[in-house]
Amino acid sequence: MGTEPKETASKRRRGIACRAAFFFAAMALLIIAGCGKSGKGAATDSEKAADVEILNGLLAQELTLADAYARGLGQLRGPVRAVAAEFRGQAQVHADALTKAIRGLGGETDAEAEKAEPPGPRSGEEALRLDYEGENRALALALEGAPRLEFDAPRTLAAALAASHAQHLAVLRQGLGTGLTTAVPEAFESGEEPPPAALSDGPETSK
């Protein structure tokens, strides 16, 4: 996945992670400020309750995705492992932002990660394909949820989540062996694009 020096790549990833964390934290604060003025919470406001339900669905998938990345890390090596670890951290940042958004609407978080079926991934390629499926699912849920959200700030958060997951999918395709020209196969990501077929030289999971 490129020849960028390890130290430079590590600094760049840390910078990206910090900016992502700042963005989603700021977004959560915007939701709290924008949705809490009426003094009514999700318990008495049907519109807020509807948004909380959607946000809890997104939260459950982010928790599931973070767990998927954690389970697969042991099968990955080199740059792909570093990327998966970073994406796991970003899924947790997403989860934190969604938790704050739900509380900003006066709601309660009741989301839990889906239980993974044993055994865990047995190869780097299998780990990446499971991560890919989770990212696809998270993207589809964010795209589906965004237009259904009643309040502007949660809607913006959902759109930001969709953009983040679309970026992750492009990177995971490269980790699975595709080139730059096929890392973004369509003009729009839908959450339905299947992972690339196995290539003869295998994915970049052991370099």
N, C-alpha and C. Protein backbone atom coordinates (compact mmCIF):
# COMPACT_ATOMS: atom_id res chain seq x y z
N MET A 1 0.83 -1.21 0.00
CA MET A 1 0.00 0.00 0.00
C MET A 1 0.86 1.25 0.00
N GLY A 2 1.90 1.27 -0.88
CA GLY A 2 2.71 2.46 -1.00
C GLY A 2 4.04 2.30 -0.30
N THR A 3 4.94 3.28 -0.48
CA THR A 3 6.29 3.22 0.07
C THR A 3 6.54 4.36 1.03
N GLU A 4 5.53 4.94 1.61
CA GLU A 4 5.68 6.05 2.54
C GLU A 4 6.44 5.58 3.77
N PRO A 5 7.48 6.33 4.23
CA PRO A 5 8.21 5.94 5.42
C PRO A 5 7.28 5.72 6.60
N LYS A 6 7.63 4.71 7.44
CA LYS A 6 6.75 4.35 8.54
C LYS A 6 6.50 5.51 9.49
N GLU A 7 7.56 6.27 9.82
CA GLU A 7 7.41 7.38 10.76
C GLU A 7 6.50 8.45 10.20
N THR A 8 6.68 8.77 8.91
CA THR A 8 5.82 9.78 8.28
C THR A 8 4.38 9.31 8.22
N ALA A 9 4.19 8.04 7.84
CA ALA A 9 2.83 7.50 7.75
C ALA A 9 2.16 7.50 9.11
N SER A 10 2.94 7.16 10.15
CA SER A 10 2.37 7.12 11.50
C SER A 10 1.94 8.50 11.95
N LYS A 11 2.77 9.50 11.69
CA LYS A 11 2.42 10.87 12.06
C LYS A 11 1.19 11.35 11.31
N ARG A 12 1.14 10.98 10.01
CA ARG A 12 -0.02 11.39 9.20
C ARG A 12 -1.30 10.75 9.73
N ARG A 13 -1.23 9.45 10.09
CA ARG A 13 -2.42 8.77 10.61
C ARG A 13 -2.86 9.38 11.93
N ARG A 14 -1.88 9.73 12.79
CA ARG A 14 -2.25 10.36 14.06
C ARG A 14 -2.92 11.71 13.83
N GLY A 15 -2.39 12.46 12.85
CA GLY A 15 -2.99 13.76 12.55
C GLY A 15 -4.41 13.62 12.04
N ILE A 16 -4.63 12.65 11.15
CA ILE A 16 -5.97 12.42 10.62
C ILE A 16 -6.92 12.00 11.72
N ALA A 17 -6.44 11.10 12.61
CA ALA A 17 -7.29 10.62 13.70
C ALA A 17 -7.68 11.77 14.63
N CYS A 18 -6.71 12.65 14.92
CA CYS A 18 -7.00 13.78 15.81
C CYS A 18 -8.02 14.73 15.17
N ARG A 19 -7.86 14.98 13.87
CA ARG A 19 -8.81 15.87 13.20
C ARG A 19 -10.21 15.24 13.16
N ALA A 20 -10.26 13.93 12.94
CA ALA A 20 -11.55 13.25 12.92
C ALA A 20 -12.22 13.32 14.29
N ALA A 21 -11.43 13.08 15.33
CA ALA A 21 -11.99 13.14 16.69
C ALA A 21 -12.51 14.54 17.00
N PHE A 22 -11.76 15.56 16.60
CA PHE A 22 -12.18 16.94 16.84
C PHE A 22 -13.46 17.24 16.09
N PHE A 23 -13.53 16.80 14.82
CA PHE A 23 -14.71 17.07 14.01
C PHE A 23 -15.96 16.47 14.63
N PHE A 24 -15.90 15.19 14.99
CA PHE A 24 -17.09 14.53 15.51
C PHE A 24 -17.45 15.02 16.91
N ALA A 25 -16.44 15.42 17.69
CA ALA A 25 -16.74 16.01 19.00
C ALA A 25 -17.45 17.35 18.82
N ALA A 26 -16.97 18.15 17.87
CA ALA A 26 -17.61 19.44 17.60
C ALA A 26 -19.03 19.23 17.09
N MET A 27 -19.22 18.21 16.26
CA MET A 27 -20.55 17.91 15.74
C MET A 27 -21.51 17.54 16.87
N ALA A 28 -21.01 16.74 17.82
CA ALA A 28 -21.85 16.34 18.95
C ALA A 28 -22.24 17.56 19.80
N LEU A 29 -21.29 18.47 20.00
CA LEU A 29 -21.61 19.68 20.76
C LEU A 29 -22.63 20.53 20.03
N LEU A 30 -22.54 20.57 18.70
CA LEU A 30 -23.52 21.31 17.91
C LEU A 30 -24.91 20.72 18.08
N ILE A 31 -24.99 19.40 18.13
CA ILE A 31 -26.28 18.74 18.32
C ILE A 31 -26.86 19.09 19.68
N ILE A 32 -26.00 19.04 20.70
CA ILE A 32 -26.47 19.37 22.06
C ILE A 32 -26.98 20.80 22.11
N ALA A 33 -26.24 21.72 21.47
CA ALA A 33 -26.64 23.13 21.49
C ALA A 33 -27.89 23.37 20.67
N GLY A 34 -28.00 22.68 19.55
CA GLY A 34 -29.10 22.95 18.64
C GLY A 34 -30.38 22.25 18.95
N CYS A 35 -30.31 21.15 19.70
CA CYS A 35 -31.51 20.34 19.93
C CYS A 35 -32.01 20.37 21.36
N GLY A 36 -31.30 21.06 22.20
CA GLY A 36 -31.70 21.03 23.60
C GLY A 36 -32.34 22.31 24.09
N LYS A 37 -32.67 23.19 23.19
CA LYS A 37 -33.16 24.50 23.61
C LYS A 37 -34.60 24.47 24.09
N SER A 38 -35.40 23.54 23.60
CA SER A 38 -36.82 23.57 23.93
C SER A 38 -37.11 23.07 25.33
N GLY A 39 -36.10 22.41 25.96
CA GLY A 39 -36.32 21.86 27.29
C GLY A 39 -37.05 20.55 27.26
N LYS A 40 -37.39 20.06 26.10
CA LYS A 40 -38.08 18.78 25.97
C LYS A 40 -37.09 17.74 25.48
N GLY A 41 -37.12 16.57 26.10
CA GLY A 41 -36.26 15.49 25.69
C GLY A 41 -37.01 14.47 24.86
N ALA A 42 -36.31 13.39 24.53
CA ALA A 42 -36.91 12.36 23.68
C ALA A 42 -38.11 11.70 24.34
N ALA A 43 -38.18 11.75 25.67
CA ALA A 43 -39.29 11.10 26.37
C ALA A 43 -40.62 11.79 26.10
N THR A 44 -40.57 13.09 25.81
CA THR A 44 -41.80 13.85 25.61
C THR A 44 -41.90 14.49 24.23
N ASP A 45 -40.87 14.36 23.42
CA ASP A 45 -40.85 14.96 22.08
C ASP A 45 -40.74 13.83 21.06
N SER A 46 -41.77 13.63 20.28
CA SER A 46 -41.80 12.49 19.35
C SER A 46 -40.74 12.60 18.26
N GLU A 47 -40.45 13.83 17.83
CA GLU A 47 -39.44 14.01 16.78
C GLU A 47 -38.05 13.65 17.31
N LYS A 48 -37.75 14.08 18.53
CA LYS A 48 -36.47 13.73 19.13
C LYS A 48 -36.39 12.23 19.38
N ALA A 49 -37.50 11.65 19.81
CA ALA A 49 -37.51 10.20 20.04
C ALA A 49 -37.23 9.43 18.77
N ALA A 50 -37.79 9.91 17.65
CA ALA A 50 -37.56 9.24 16.37
C ALA A 50 -36.08 9.35 15.97
N ASP A 51 -35.49 10.52 16.20
CA ASP A 51 -34.08 10.68 15.88
C ASP A 51 -33.21 9.79 16.76
N VAL A 52 -33.55 9.69 18.03
CA VAL A 52 -32.79 8.85 18.96
C VAL A 52 -32.82 7.40 18.51
N GLU A 53 -33.95 6.94 18.04
CA GLU A 53 -34.06 5.55 17.57
C GLU A 53 -33.12 5.30 16.38
N ILE A 54 -33.09 6.24 15.45
CA ILE A 54 -32.21 6.10 14.29
C ILE A 54 -30.75 6.15 14.72
N LEU A 55 -30.41 7.09 15.58
CA LEU A 55 -29.04 7.24 16.05
C LEU A 55 -28.57 6.01 16.82
N ASN A 56 -29.47 5.40 17.58
CA ASN A 56 -29.11 4.18 18.29
C ASN A 56 -28.80 3.05 17.31
N GLY A 57 -29.52 3.01 16.20
CA GLY A 57 -29.22 2.01 15.17
C GLY A 57 -27.84 2.22 14.58
N LEU A 58 -27.49 3.48 14.31
CA LEU A 58 -26.16 3.79 13.80
C LEU A 58 -25.09 3.46 14.84
N LEU A 59 -25.39 3.73 16.10
CA LEU A 59 -24.44 3.45 17.17
C LEU A 59 -24.16 1.95 17.28
N ALA A 60 -25.20 1.15 17.20
CA ALA A 60 -25.02 -0.30 17.29
C ALA A 60 -24.07 -0.80 16.20
N GLN A 61 -24.21 -0.25 14.99
CA GLN A 61 -23.33 -0.70 13.90
C GLN A 61 -21.91 -0.22 14.11
N GLU A 62 -21.71 0.98 14.64
CA GLU A 62 -20.35 1.45 14.90
C GLU A 62 -19.67 0.58 15.95
N LEU A 63 -20.41 0.17 16.98
CA LEU A 63 -19.84 -0.71 18.00
C LEU A 63 -19.51 -2.07 17.41
N THR A 64 -20.40 -2.57 16.56
CA THR A 64 -20.16 -3.85 15.89
C THR A 64 -18.93 -3.77 15.00
N LEU A 65 -18.78 -2.66 14.30
CA LEU A 65 -17.65 -2.47 13.39
C LEU A 65 -16.34 -2.39 14.17
N ALA A 66 -16.34 -1.66 15.27
CA ALA A 66 -15.13 -1.57 16.10
C ALA A 66 -14.71 -2.94 16.59
N ASP A 67 -15.68 -3.75 16.99
CA ASP A 67 -15.38 -5.12 17.44
C ASP A 67 -14.82 -5.96 16.30
N ALA A 68 -15.37 -5.79 15.09
CA ALA A 68 -14.89 -6.56 13.94
C ALA A 68 -13.42 -6.24 13.66
N TYR A 69 -13.09 -4.96 13.69
CA TYR A 69 -11.69 -4.59 13.47
C TYR A 69 -10.80 -5.19 14.56
N ALA A 70 -11.25 -5.15 15.80
CA ALA A 70 -10.44 -5.69 16.90
C ALA A 70 -10.20 -7.18 16.73
N ARG A 71 -11.22 -7.92 16.31
CA ARG A 71 -11.08 -9.37 16.15
C ARG A 71 -10.10 -9.74 15.04
N GLY A 72 -10.03 -8.90 14.02
CA GLY A 72 -9.19 -9.24 12.87
C GLY A 72 -7.76 -8.76 12.94
N LEU A 73 -7.42 -7.91 13.91
CA LEU A 73 -6.08 -7.33 13.94
C LEU A 73 -4.99 -8.38 14.03
N GLY A 74 -5.25 -9.46 14.75
CA GLY A 74 -4.22 -10.49 14.91
C GLY A 74 -3.85 -11.20 13.63
N GLN A 75 -4.70 -11.09 12.61
CA GLN A 75 -4.44 -11.74 11.32
C GLN A 75 -3.76 -10.81 10.32
N LEU A 76 -3.59 -9.56 10.69
CA LEU A 76 -3.05 -8.57 9.75
C LEU A 76 -1.63 -8.18 10.12
N ARG A 77 -0.88 -7.74 9.12
CA ARG A 77 0.51 -7.34 9.31
C ARG A 77 0.77 -6.04 8.55
N GLY A 78 1.81 -5.35 8.97
CA GLY A 78 2.31 -4.21 8.24
C GLY A 78 1.33 -3.05 8.13
N PRO A 79 1.37 -2.33 7.00
CA PRO A 79 0.53 -1.14 6.83
C PRO A 79 -0.96 -1.44 6.94
N VAL A 80 -1.39 -2.62 6.46
CA VAL A 80 -2.82 -2.95 6.52
C VAL A 80 -3.28 -3.07 7.97
N ARG A 81 -2.43 -3.64 8.81
CA ARG A 81 -2.78 -3.73 10.23
C ARG A 81 -2.89 -2.35 10.86
N ALA A 82 -1.96 -1.45 10.50
CA ALA A 82 -2.00 -0.08 11.03
C ALA A 82 -3.27 0.64 10.59
N VAL A 83 -3.66 0.44 9.33
CA VAL A 83 -4.88 1.06 8.83
C VAL A 83 -6.10 0.51 9.56
N ALA A 84 -6.16 -0.81 9.75
CA ALA A 84 -7.30 -1.42 10.44
C ALA A 84 -7.40 -0.91 11.87
N ALA A 85 -6.24 -0.76 12.53
CA ALA A 85 -6.24 -0.25 13.90
C ALA A 85 -6.75 1.20 13.93
N GLU A 86 -6.35 1.97 12.92
CA GLU A 86 -6.81 3.37 12.84
C GLU A 86 -8.31 3.42 12.61
N PHE A 87 -8.80 2.58 11.71
CA PHE A 87 -10.24 2.58 11.42
C PHE A 87 -11.04 2.10 12.63
N ARG A 88 -10.47 1.19 13.40
CA ARG A 88 -11.13 0.79 14.64
C ARG A 88 -11.27 1.99 15.57
N GLY A 89 -10.20 2.77 15.68
CA GLY A 89 -10.26 3.97 16.52
C GLY A 89 -11.27 4.97 16.00
N GLN A 90 -11.38 5.11 14.68
CA GLN A 90 -12.35 6.04 14.12
C GLN A 90 -13.78 5.56 14.37
N ALA A 91 -13.99 4.23 14.33
CA ALA A 91 -15.33 3.72 14.64
C ALA A 91 -15.70 4.06 16.08
N GLN A 92 -14.72 4.04 16.97
CA GLN A 92 -15.00 4.41 18.36
C GLN A 92 -15.28 5.91 18.49
N VAL A 93 -14.58 6.72 17.70
CA VAL A 93 -14.87 8.17 17.67
C VAL A 93 -16.29 8.40 17.19
N HIS A 94 -16.69 7.66 16.14
CA HIS A 94 -18.07 7.75 15.65
C HIS A 94 -19.06 7.39 16.76
N ALA A 95 -18.75 6.31 17.47
CA ALA A 95 -19.65 5.85 18.55
C ALA A 95 -19.76 6.90 19.65
N ASP A 96 -18.64 7.52 19.98
CA ASP A 96 -18.67 8.56 21.02
C ASP A 96 -19.52 9.75 20.58
N ALA A 97 -19.37 10.15 19.31
CA ALA A 97 -20.15 11.28 18.79
C ALA A 97 -21.64 10.95 18.79
N LEU A 98 -21.99 9.73 18.40
CA LEU A 98 -23.40 9.32 18.39
C LEU A 98 -23.96 9.27 19.80
N THR A 99 -23.16 8.80 20.76
CA THR A 99 -23.61 8.76 22.15
C THR A 99 -23.92 10.16 22.66
N LYS A 100 -23.03 11.10 22.37
CA LYS A 100 -23.26 12.49 22.79
C LYS A 100 -24.47 13.08 22.08
N ALA A 101 -24.65 12.71 20.81
CA ALA A 101 -25.80 13.23 20.07
C ALA A 101 -27.11 12.72 20.66
N ILE A 102 -27.14 11.44 21.01
CA ILE A 102 -28.35 10.86 21.61
C ILE A 102 -28.66 11.54 22.94
N ARG A 103 -27.65 11.74 23.74
CA ARG A 103 -27.86 12.40 25.04
C ARG A 103 -28.24 13.87 24.85
N GLY A 104 -27.70 14.48 23.78
CA GLY A 104 -28.06 15.87 23.49
C GLY A 104 -29.53 16.02 23.13
N LEU A 105 -30.12 14.96 22.62
CA LEU A 105 -31.55 14.95 22.30
C LEU A 105 -32.40 14.53 23.49
N GLY A 106 -31.75 14.32 24.62
CA GLY A 106 -32.48 13.89 25.81
C GLY A 106 -32.84 12.42 25.79
N GLY A 107 -32.11 11.63 24.99
CA GLY A 107 -32.42 10.21 24.88
C GLY A 107 -31.44 9.35 25.64
N GLU A 108 -31.68 8.06 25.59
CA GLU A 108 -30.83 7.08 26.25
C GLU A 108 -30.19 6.17 25.19
N THR A 109 -28.95 5.80 25.43
CA THR A 109 -28.28 4.86 24.53
C THR A 109 -28.62 3.43 24.95
N ASP A 110 -29.19 2.67 24.03
CA ASP A 110 -29.49 1.27 24.32
C ASP A 110 -28.88 0.35 23.27
N ALA A 111 -27.92 0.87 22.52
CA ALA A 111 -27.31 0.10 21.44
C ALA A 111 -26.23 -0.82 21.98
N GLU A 112 -26.12 -1.98 21.38
CA GLU A 112 -25.06 -2.94 21.70
C GLU A 112 -24.50 -3.52 20.41
N ALA A 113 -23.24 -3.89 20.46
CA ALA A 113 -22.63 -4.54 19.31
C ALA A 113 -23.24 -5.91 19.09
N GLU A 114 -23.40 -6.29 17.84
CA GLU A 114 -23.90 -7.62 17.54
C GLU A 114 -22.85 -8.66 17.94
N LYS A 115 -23.31 -9.77 18.46
CA LYS A 115 -22.39 -10.83 18.85
C LYS A 115 -21.85 -11.52 17.60
N ALA A 116 -20.54 -11.64 17.55
CA ALA A 116 -19.91 -12.27 16.39
C ALA A 116 -20.01 -13.79 16.50
N GLU A 117 -20.24 -14.41 15.38
CA GLU A 117 -20.31 -15.87 15.36
C GLU A 117 -18.89 -16.44 15.32
N PRO A 118 -18.58 -17.39 16.20
CA PRO A 118 -17.26 -18.02 16.15
C PRO A 118 -17.16 -18.95 14.95
N PRO A 119 -15.98 -19.27 14.49
CA PRO A 119 -14.70 -18.71 14.95
C PRO A 119 -14.46 -17.34 14.34
N GLY A 120 -13.43 -16.66 14.80
CA GLY A 120 -13.07 -15.39 14.22
C GLY A 120 -12.36 -15.58 12.89
N PRO A 121 -11.96 -14.50 12.25
CA PRO A 121 -11.27 -14.60 10.96
C PRO A 121 -10.00 -15.43 11.08
N ARG A 122 -9.77 -16.27 10.08
CA ARG A 122 -8.62 -17.18 10.11
C ARG A 122 -7.50 -16.76 9.16
N SER A 123 -7.68 -15.64 8.49
CA SER A 123 -6.64 -15.13 7.59
C SER A 123 -6.79 -13.62 7.49
N GLY A 124 -5.75 -12.98 6.96
CA GLY A 124 -5.83 -11.55 6.77
C GLY A 124 -6.91 -11.16 5.79
N GLU A 125 -7.04 -11.92 4.73
CA GLU A 125 -8.07 -11.62 3.73
C GLU A 125 -9.46 -11.75 4.34
N GLU A 126 -9.67 -12.79 5.13
CA GLU A 126 -10.98 -12.97 5.75
C GLU A 126 -11.28 -11.83 6.71
N ALA A 127 -10.27 -11.38 7.44
CA ALA A 127 -10.46 -10.26 8.37
C ALA A 127 -10.87 -9.00 7.61
N LEU A 128 -10.17 -8.71 6.51
CA LEU A 128 -10.49 -7.51 5.74
C LEU A 128 -11.87 -7.60 5.11
N ARG A 129 -12.26 -8.77 4.67
CA ARG A 129 -13.59 -8.93 4.07
C ARG A 129 -14.69 -8.74 5.11
N LEU A 130 -14.46 -9.19 6.33
CA LEU A 130 -15.43 -8.94 7.40
C LEU A 130 -15.50 -7.45 7.73
N ASP A 131 -14.34 -6.80 7.76
CA ASP A 131 -14.31 -5.36 7.99
C ASP A 131 -15.06 -4.63 6.87
N TYR A 132 -14.84 -5.09 5.64
CA TYR A 132 -15.49 -4.48 4.48
C TYR A 132 -17.01 -4.60 4.60
N GLU A 133 -17.49 -5.77 4.99
CA GLU A 133 -18.93 -5.96 5.16
C GLU A 133 -19.48 -5.02 6.23
N GLY A 134 -18.74 -4.85 7.31
CA GLY A 134 -19.18 -3.95 8.37
C GLY A 134 -19.22 -2.50 7.93
N GLU A 135 -18.22 -2.09 7.16
CA GLU A 135 -18.19 -0.72 6.64
C GLU A 135 -19.34 -0.50 5.66
N ASN A 136 -19.60 -1.49 4.82
CA ASN A 136 -20.72 -1.39 3.89
C ASN A 136 -22.03 -1.20 4.64
N ARG A 137 -22.23 -2.00 5.67
CA ARG A 137 -23.45 -1.92 6.46
C ARG A 137 -23.58 -0.56 7.15
N ALA A 138 -22.47 -0.08 7.71
CA ALA A 138 -22.50 1.23 8.38
C ALA A 138 -22.83 2.34 7.40
N LEU A 139 -22.25 2.27 6.20
CA LEU A 139 -22.53 3.28 5.17
C LEU A 139 -23.99 3.24 4.77
N ALA A 140 -24.52 2.04 4.52
CA ALA A 140 -25.92 1.92 4.10
C ALA A 140 -26.86 2.47 5.16
N LEU A 141 -26.59 2.19 6.42
CA LEU A 141 -27.45 2.69 7.51
C LEU A 141 -27.38 4.21 7.61
N ALA A 142 -26.18 4.77 7.45
CA ALA A 142 -26.05 6.23 7.53
C ALA A 142 -26.78 6.90 6.37
N LEU A 143 -26.64 6.34 5.18
CA LEU A 143 -27.35 6.91 4.02
C LEU A 143 -28.86 6.80 4.18
N GLU A 144 -29.31 5.68 4.74
CA GLU A 144 -30.74 5.49 4.95
C GLU A 144 -31.28 6.40 6.05
N GLY A 145 -30.47 6.59 7.09
CA GLY A 145 -30.93 7.35 8.24
C GLY A 145 -30.91 8.85 8.05
N ALA A 146 -29.93 9.36 7.30
CA ALA A 146 -29.75 10.81 7.18
C ALA A 146 -31.02 11.55 6.77
N PRO A 147 -31.70 11.16 5.68
CA PRO A 147 -32.89 11.92 5.27
C PRO A 147 -34.10 11.73 6.20
N ARG A 148 -34.04 10.73 7.07
CA ARG A 148 -35.16 10.47 7.98
C ARG A 148 -35.02 11.23 9.29
N LEU A 149 -33.85 11.78 9.56
CA LEU A 149 -33.64 12.50 10.80
C LEU A 149 -34.34 13.86 10.76
N GLU A 150 -34.97 14.23 11.85
CA GLU A 150 -35.77 15.46 11.90
C GLU A 150 -34.92 16.71 12.11
N PHE A 151 -33.83 16.57 12.85
CA PHE A 151 -33.04 17.75 13.21
C PHE A 151 -31.80 17.85 12.34
N ASP A 152 -31.41 19.10 12.05
CA ASP A 152 -30.31 19.35 11.12
C ASP A 152 -28.99 18.77 11.60
N ALA A 153 -28.66 18.96 12.87
CA ALA A 153 -27.35 18.52 13.36
C ALA A 153 -27.19 17.00 13.32
N PRO A 154 -28.16 16.21 13.79
CA PRO A 154 -28.03 14.76 13.63
C PRO A 154 -27.96 14.33 12.17
N ARG A 155 -28.68 15.05 11.30
CA ARG A 155 -28.64 14.73 9.88
C ARG A 155 -27.24 14.97 9.31
N THR A 156 -26.63 16.07 9.74
CA THR A 156 -25.27 16.36 9.29
C THR A 156 -24.29 15.32 9.81
N LEU A 157 -24.48 14.89 11.04
CA LEU A 157 -23.62 13.86 11.61
C LEU A 157 -23.73 12.56 10.82
N ALA A 158 -24.94 12.17 10.47
CA ALA A 158 -25.13 10.95 9.69
C ALA A 158 -24.46 11.06 8.32
N ALA A 159 -24.55 12.23 7.70
CA ALA A 159 -23.90 12.43 6.41
C ALA A 159 -22.39 12.34 6.54
N ALA A 160 -21.85 12.89 7.64
CA ALA A 160 -20.41 12.81 7.87
C ALA A 160 -19.97 11.36 8.09
N LEU A 161 -20.79 10.59 8.78
CA LEU A 161 -20.49 9.17 8.97
C LEU A 161 -20.45 8.44 7.63
N ALA A 162 -21.41 8.74 6.77
CA ALA A 162 -21.44 8.10 5.46
C ALA A 162 -20.17 8.41 4.68
N ALA A 163 -19.73 9.67 4.71
CA ALA A 163 -18.52 10.05 4.00
C ALA A 163 -17.30 9.31 4.54
N SER A 164 -17.23 9.19 5.86
CA SER A 164 -16.11 8.50 6.48
C SER A 164 -16.07 7.03 6.06
N HIS A 165 -17.21 6.37 6.08
CA HIS A 165 -17.25 4.95 5.71
C HIS A 165 -16.94 4.74 4.23
N ALA A 166 -17.34 5.67 3.39
CA ALA A 166 -17.01 5.58 1.96
C ALA A 166 -15.50 5.65 1.77
N GLN A 167 -14.83 6.50 2.52
CA GLN A 167 -13.37 6.58 2.46
C GLN A 167 -12.75 5.26 2.90
N HIS A 168 -13.26 4.72 3.98
CA HIS A 168 -12.73 3.45 4.50
C HIS A 168 -12.85 2.34 3.46
N LEU A 169 -13.98 2.28 2.78
CA LEU A 169 -14.19 1.24 1.78
C LEU A 169 -13.16 1.33 0.66
N ALA A 170 -12.85 2.54 0.23
CA ALA A 170 -11.87 2.71 -0.84
C ALA A 170 -10.50 2.18 -0.40
N VAL A 171 -10.14 2.43 0.85
CA VAL A 171 -8.85 1.96 1.35
C VAL A 171 -8.86 0.45 1.52
N LEU A 172 -9.95 -0.11 2.03
CA LEU A 172 -10.02 -1.55 2.22
C LEU A 172 -9.95 -2.30 0.89
N ARG A 173 -10.52 -1.72 -0.16
CA ARG A 173 -10.41 -2.36 -1.47
C ARG A 173 -8.94 -2.47 -1.89
N GLN A 174 -8.17 -1.44 -1.61
CA GLN A 174 -6.75 -1.51 -1.93
C GLN A 174 -6.05 -2.55 -1.07
N GLY A 175 -6.45 -2.65 0.20
CA GLY A 175 -5.88 -3.67 1.06
C GLY A 175 -6.19 -5.07 0.57
N LEU A 176 -7.32 -5.22 -0.11
CA LEU A 176 -7.70 -6.51 -0.67
C LEU A 176 -7.10 -6.78 -2.04
N GLY A 177 -6.28 -5.85 -2.51
CA GLY A 177 -5.52 -6.12 -3.72
C GLY A 177 -5.87 -5.31 -4.94
N THR A 178 -6.86 -4.42 -4.88
CA THR A 178 -7.19 -3.63 -6.06
C THR A 178 -6.20 -2.47 -6.22
N GLY A 179 -6.14 -1.93 -7.43
CA GLY A 179 -5.31 -0.77 -7.68
C GLY A 179 -6.08 0.52 -7.44
N LEU A 180 -5.40 1.63 -7.57
CA LEU A 180 -6.03 2.93 -7.34
C LEU A 180 -7.20 3.16 -8.28
N THR A 181 -7.08 2.68 -9.51
CA THR A 181 -8.12 2.95 -10.50
C THR A 181 -9.42 2.21 -10.21
N THR A 182 -9.35 1.15 -9.42
CA THR A 182 -10.56 0.38 -9.10
C THR A 182 -10.95 0.47 -7.63
N ALA A 183 -10.26 1.32 -6.89
CA ALA A 183 -10.58 1.48 -5.47
C ALA A 183 -11.91 2.19 -5.26
N VAL A 184 -12.32 2.99 -6.25
CA VAL A 184 -13.62 3.67 -6.21
C VAL A 184 -14.36 3.27 -7.48
N PRO A 185 -15.06 2.13 -7.46
CA PRO A 185 -15.63 1.57 -8.69
C PRO A 185 -16.85 2.31 -9.23
N GLU A 186 -17.52 3.10 -8.39
CA GLU A 186 -18.72 3.80 -8.83
C GLU A 186 -18.64 5.27 -8.43
N ALA A 187 -19.44 6.09 -9.10
CA ALA A 187 -19.46 7.52 -8.78
C ALA A 187 -20.05 7.78 -7.40
N PHE A 188 -20.96 6.91 -6.96
CA PHE A 188 -21.59 7.06 -5.65
C PHE A 188 -21.48 5.75 -4.89
N GLU A 189 -21.11 5.84 -3.62
CA GLU A 189 -21.09 4.67 -2.75
C GLU A 189 -22.50 4.46 -2.20
N SER A 190 -22.96 3.21 -2.25
CA SER A 190 -24.32 2.90 -1.80
C SER A 190 -24.36 1.99 -0.58
N GLY A 191 -23.21 1.41 -0.22
CA GLY A 191 -23.21 0.41 0.84
C GLY A 191 -23.59 -0.96 0.33
N GLU A 192 -23.67 -1.11 -0.99
CA GLU A 192 -24.05 -2.39 -1.57
C GLU A 192 -22.97 -2.97 -2.48
N GLU A 193 -21.90 -2.23 -2.70
CA GLU A 193 -20.84 -2.69 -3.59
C GLU A 193 -20.10 -3.87 -2.94
N PRO A 194 -20.04 -5.02 -3.60
CA PRO A 194 -19.37 -6.17 -3.00
C PRO A 194 -17.87 -5.96 -2.93
N PRO A 195 -17.19 -6.70 -2.07
CA PRO A 195 -15.73 -6.58 -2.01
C PRO A 195 -15.11 -7.10 -3.29
N PRO A 196 -13.90 -6.68 -3.60
CA PRO A 196 -13.25 -7.16 -4.82
C PRO A 196 -13.02 -8.66 -4.76
N ALA A 197 -13.06 -9.30 -5.91
CA ALA A 197 -12.78 -10.73 -5.98
C ALA A 197 -11.34 -10.99 -5.60
N ALA A 198 -11.09 -12.18 -5.07
CA ALA A 198 -9.73 -12.55 -4.68
C ALA A 198 -8.82 -12.51 -5.90
N LEU A 199 -7.67 -11.88 -5.73
CA LEU A 199 -6.71 -11.78 -6.82
C LEU A 199 -5.63 -12.84 -6.67
N SER A 200 -4.96 -13.14 -7.77
CA SER A 200 -3.97 -14.21 -7.75
C SER A 200 -2.80 -13.93 -6.81
N ASP A 201 -2.43 -12.65 -6.66
CA ASP A 201 -1.30 -12.33 -5.80
C ASP A 201 -1.74 -12.07 -4.36
N GLY A 202 -3.04 -12.16 -4.09
CA GLY A 202 -3.52 -12.05 -2.72
C GLY A 202 -3.59 -10.63 -2.24
N PRO A 203 -4.27 -10.39 -1.12
CA PRO A 203 -4.37 -9.04 -0.55
C PRO A 203 -3.09 -8.64 0.15
N GLU A 204 -2.97 -7.36 0.39
CA GLU A 204 -1.79 -6.84 1.08
C GLU A 204 -1.96 -6.99 2.58
N THR A 205 -1.93 -8.20 3.09
CA THR A 205 -2.17 -8.43 4.51
C THR A 205 -0.96 -8.94 5.23
N SER A 206 0.10 -9.18 4.52
CA SER A 206 1.28 -9.77 5.17
C SER A 206 2.57 -9.06 4.81
N LYS A 207 2.44 -7.84 4.20
CA LYS A 207 3.65 -7.13 3.78
C LYS A 207 4.15 -6.22 4.88
